[in-house]
Amino acid sequence: QVQLVESGGGLVQAGGSLRLSCAASGRTFSSYTMGWFRQAPGKERDFVAAMTTGGNANVVASVEGRFTISRDSAKNTVALQMNSLNPEDTAVYYCFASAILGTYWGQGTQVTVAS
């Protein structure tokens, strides 16, 4: 059974940092793009960052320079280092693993940034 389990969310003051981690299990994810989406209250789930199997990273413009994605393909993990957080970053953050055959999602982890 495939599982993606996020950790590292929480409450932080504006300007602070958090590091999210996602551990995937149940199959090999070496051929999958892995990354993060987020969903703020009352809004759609939006792309945040992703890293391909070749190590190419892509982040949305609104977090560029503040968020960094990293990946350990041998351990099936992906992380999101979030710095200079602001209240607009408050959302549930979801880990994903995507390939031609489909996409897997984690259950989400809440990030709340207090002003």
C-alpha atoms as a PDB file:
ATOM      1  CA  GLN A   1       0.000   0.000   0.000  1.00  0.00           C
ATOM      2  CA  VAL A   2       1.392   3.360  -1.050  1.00  0.00           C
ATOM      3  CA  GLN A   3       1.618   5.994   1.654  1.00  0.00           C
ATOM      4  CA  LEU A   4       2.946   9.536   1.729  1.00  0.00           C
ATOM      5  CA  VAL A   5       3.286  10.907   5.237  1.00  0.00           C
ATOM      6  CA  GLU A   6       4.043  14.562   5.879  1.00  0.00           C
ATOM      7  CA  SER A   7       5.545  16.009   9.034  1.00  0.00           C
ATOM      8  CA  GLY A   8       6.955  19.275  10.277  1.00  0.00           C
ATOM      9  CA  GLY A   9       3.955  21.585  10.128  1.00  0.00           C
ATOM     10  CA  GLY A  10       2.954  23.850  12.974  1.00  0.00           C
ATOM     11  CA  LEU A  11       2.511  27.392  14.199  1.00  0.00           C
ATOM     12  CA  VAL A  12       5.251  29.945  13.558  1.00  0.00           C
ATOM     13  CA  GLN A  13       5.573  33.701  13.806  1.00  0.00           C
ATOM     14  CA  ALA A  14       5.904  35.789  10.671  1.00  0.00           C
ATOM     15  CA  GLY A  15       9.500  35.810   9.525  1.00  0.00           C
ATOM     16  CA  GLY A  16      10.138  32.382  10.968  1.00  0.00           C
ATOM     17  CA  SER A  17      11.027  29.089   9.350  1.00  0.00           C
ATOM     18  CA  LEU A  18       9.665  25.576   9.128  1.00  0.00           C
ATOM     19  CA  ARG A  19      10.877  22.445   7.431  1.00  0.00           C
ATOM     20  CA  LEU A  20       8.338  20.018   6.026  1.00  0.00           C
ATOM     21  CA  SER A  21       9.243  16.424   5.313  1.00  0.00           C
ATOM     22  CA  CYS A  22       7.443  13.730   3.374  1.00  0.00           C
ATOM     23  CA  ALA A  23       8.232  10.040   3.549  1.00  0.00           C
ATOM     24  CA  ALA A  24       6.862   7.830   0.801  1.00  0.00           C
ATOM     25  CA  SER A  25       6.511   4.069   1.074  1.00  0.00           C
ATOM     26  CA  GLY A  26       4.865   1.143  -0.630  1.00  0.00           C
ATOM     27  CA  ARG A  27       6.762   1.297  -3.906  1.00  0.00           C
ATOM     28  CA  THR A  28       9.823   2.776  -5.541  1.00  0.00           C
ATOM     29  CA  PHE A  29       9.465   6.451  -6.362  1.00  0.00           C
ATOM     30  CA  SER A  30      12.682   6.910  -8.293  1.00  0.00           C
ATOM     31  CA  SER A  31      10.734   7.578 -11.504  1.00  0.00           C
ATOM     32  CA  TYR A  32       8.261   9.968  -9.860  1.00  0.00           C
ATOM     33  CA  THR A  33       8.300  13.727  -9.632  1.00  0.00           C
ATOM     34  CA  MET A  34       7.786  14.632  -5.985  1.00  0.00           C
ATOM     35  CA  GLY A  35       6.813  17.893  -4.417  1.00  0.00           C
ATOM     36  CA  TRP A  36       4.297  20.028  -2.604  1.00  0.00           C
ATOM     37  CA  PHE A  37       0.953  21.720  -3.058  1.00  0.00           C
ATOM     38  CA  ARG A  38      -0.877  23.858  -0.534  1.00  0.00           C
ATOM     39  CA  GLN A  39      -4.473  24.776   0.132  1.00  0.00           C
ATOM     40  CA  ALA A  40      -5.457  27.868   2.059  1.00  0.00           C
ATOM     41  CA  PRO A  41      -8.910  28.133   3.669  1.00  0.00           C
ATOM     42  CA  GLY A  42     -11.583  28.706   1.046  1.00  0.00           C
ATOM     43  CA  LYS A  43      -9.132  28.413  -1.830  1.00  0.00           C
ATOM     44  CA  GLU A  44      -8.081  25.794  -4.339  1.00  0.00           C
ATOM     45  CA  ARG A  45      -5.084  23.551  -3.910  1.00  0.00           C
ATOM     46  CA  ASP A  46      -2.118  25.290  -5.547  1.00  0.00           C
ATOM     47  CA  PHE A  47       1.279  24.126  -6.679  1.00  0.00           C
ATOM     48  CA  VAL A  48       4.227  25.143  -4.498  1.00  0.00           C
ATOM     49  CA  ALA A  49       7.326  23.233  -5.554  1.00  0.00           C
ATOM     50  CA  ALA A  50       8.470  20.017  -7.202  1.00  0.00           C
ATOM     51  CA  MET A  51      11.625  18.142  -8.035  1.00  0.00           C
ATOM     52  CA  THR A  52      12.022  15.683 -10.882  1.00  0.00           C
ATOM     53  CA  THR A  53      13.886  12.417 -10.766  1.00  0.00           C
ATOM     54  CA  GLY A  54      16.806  14.194 -12.407  1.00  0.00           C
ATOM     55  CA  GLY A  55      16.965  16.784  -9.656  1.00  0.00           C
ATOM     56  CA  ASN A  56      15.415  19.682 -11.538  1.00  0.00           C
ATOM     57  CA  ALA A  57      13.513  21.906  -9.130  1.00  0.00           C
ATOM     58  CA  ASN A  58      10.610  24.197  -9.830  1.00  0.00           C
ATOM     59  CA  VAL A  59       8.982  26.556  -7.334  1.00  0.00           C
ATOM     60  CA  VAL A  60       6.069  28.927  -7.691  1.00  0.00           C
ATOM     61  CA  ALA A  61       7.055  32.569  -8.029  1.00  0.00           C
ATOM     62  CA  SER A  62       5.405  33.608  -4.770  1.00  0.00           C
ATOM     63  CA  VAL A  63       7.808  31.485  -2.709  1.00  0.00           C
ATOM     64  CA  GLU A  64      10.936  31.712  -4.850  1.00  0.00           C
ATOM     65  CA  GLY A  65      13.911  32.748  -2.770  1.00  0.00           C
ATOM     66  CA  ARG A  66      12.144  31.753   0.453  1.00  0.00           C
ATOM     67  CA  PHE A  67      11.289  28.061  -0.041  1.00  0.00           C
ATOM     68  CA  THR A  68      13.732  25.360  -1.080  1.00  0.00           C
ATOM     69  CA  ILE A  69      12.807  21.850  -2.121  1.00  0.00           C
ATOM     70  CA  SER A  70      15.136  18.898  -1.697  1.00  0.00           C
ATOM     71  CA  ARG A  71      14.855  15.209  -2.295  1.00  0.00           C
ATOM     72  CA  ASP A  72      16.543  11.973  -1.317  1.00  0.00           C
ATOM     73  CA  SER A  73      15.516   9.452  -3.957  1.00  0.00           C
ATOM     74  CA  ALA A  74      17.272   6.596  -2.173  1.00  0.00           C
ATOM     75  CA  LYS A  75      15.096   7.178   0.895  1.00  0.00           C
ATOM     76  CA  ASN A  76      11.910   8.144  -0.970  1.00  0.00           C
ATOM     77  CA  THR A  77      11.748  11.457   0.865  1.00  0.00           C
ATOM     78  CA  VAL A  78      11.139  15.038  -0.169  1.00  0.00           C
ATOM     79  CA  ALA A  79      11.501  18.118   2.000  1.00  0.00           C
ATOM     80  CA  LEU A  80      10.471  21.745   1.829  1.00  0.00           C
ATOM     81  CA  GLN A  81      12.532  24.302   3.731  1.00  0.00           C
ATOM     82  CA  MET A  82      10.391  27.389   4.269  1.00  0.00           C
ATOM     83  CA  ASN A  83      12.029  30.624   5.367  1.00  0.00           C
ATOM     84  CA  SER A  84      10.732  34.161   5.830  1.00  0.00           C
ATOM     85  CA  LEU A  85       7.234  32.857   6.291  1.00  0.00           C
ATOM     86  CA  ASN A  86       4.338  35.290   6.160  1.00  0.00           C
ATOM     87  CA  PRO A  87       0.645  34.922   7.016  1.00  0.00           C
ATOM     88  CA  GLU A  88      -0.186  34.358   3.334  1.00  0.00           C
ATOM     89  CA  ASP A  89       1.724  31.089   3.554  1.00  0.00           C
ATOM     90  CA  THR A  90      -0.851  29.717   5.997  1.00  0.00           C
ATOM     91  CA  ALA A  91      -2.331  26.586   4.450  1.00  0.00           C
ATOM     92  CA  VAL A  92      -2.487  22.833   4.565  1.00  0.00           C
ATOM     93  CA  TYR A  93       0.582  21.553   2.733  1.00  0.00           C
ATOM     94  CA  TYR A  94       0.275  18.339   0.754  1.00  0.00           C
ATOM     95  CA  CYS A  95       3.075  16.136  -0.466  1.00  0.00           C
ATOM     96  CA  PHE A  96       2.638  14.440  -3.833  1.00  0.00           C
ATOM     97  CA  ALA A  97       4.391  11.900  -6.022  1.00  0.00           C
ATOM     98  CA  SER A  98       3.453  11.946  -9.676  1.00  0.00           C
ATOM     99  CA  ALA A  99       4.223   9.860 -12.739  1.00  0.00           C
ATOM    100  CA  ILE A 100       2.511   8.865 -15.983  1.00  0.00           C
ATOM    101  CA  LEU A 101       0.479   6.165 -14.250  1.00  0.00           C
ATOM    102  CA  GLY A 102      -0.937   8.479 -11.622  1.00  0.00           C
ATOM    103  CA  THR A 103      -0.448  10.711  -8.616  1.00  0.00           C
ATOM    104  CA  TYR A 104      -0.274   9.879  -4.944  1.00  0.00           C
ATOM    105  CA  TRP A 105      -1.063  12.379  -2.185  1.00  0.00           C
ATOM    106  CA  GLY A 106      -0.299  12.687   1.478  1.00  0.00           C
ATOM    107  CA  GLN A 107      -2.896  13.589   4.067  1.00  0.00           C
ATOM    108  CA  GLY A 108      -1.571  17.109   4.534  1.00  0.00           C
ATOM    109  CA  THR A 109       0.095  19.035   7.323  1.00  0.00           C
ATOM    110  CA  GLN A 110      -1.101  22.375   8.654  1.00  0.00           C
ATOM    111  CA  VAL A 111       1.176  25.397   8.534  1.00  0.00           C
ATOM    112  CA  THR A 112      -0.038  28.493  10.352  1.00  0.00           C
ATOM    113  CA  VAL A 113       1.903  31.745  10.262  1.00  0.00           C
ATOM    114  CA  ALA A 114       0.925  34.292  12.879  1.00  0.00           C
ATOM    115  CA  SER A 115       1.364  37.983  12.192  1.00  0.00           C
END
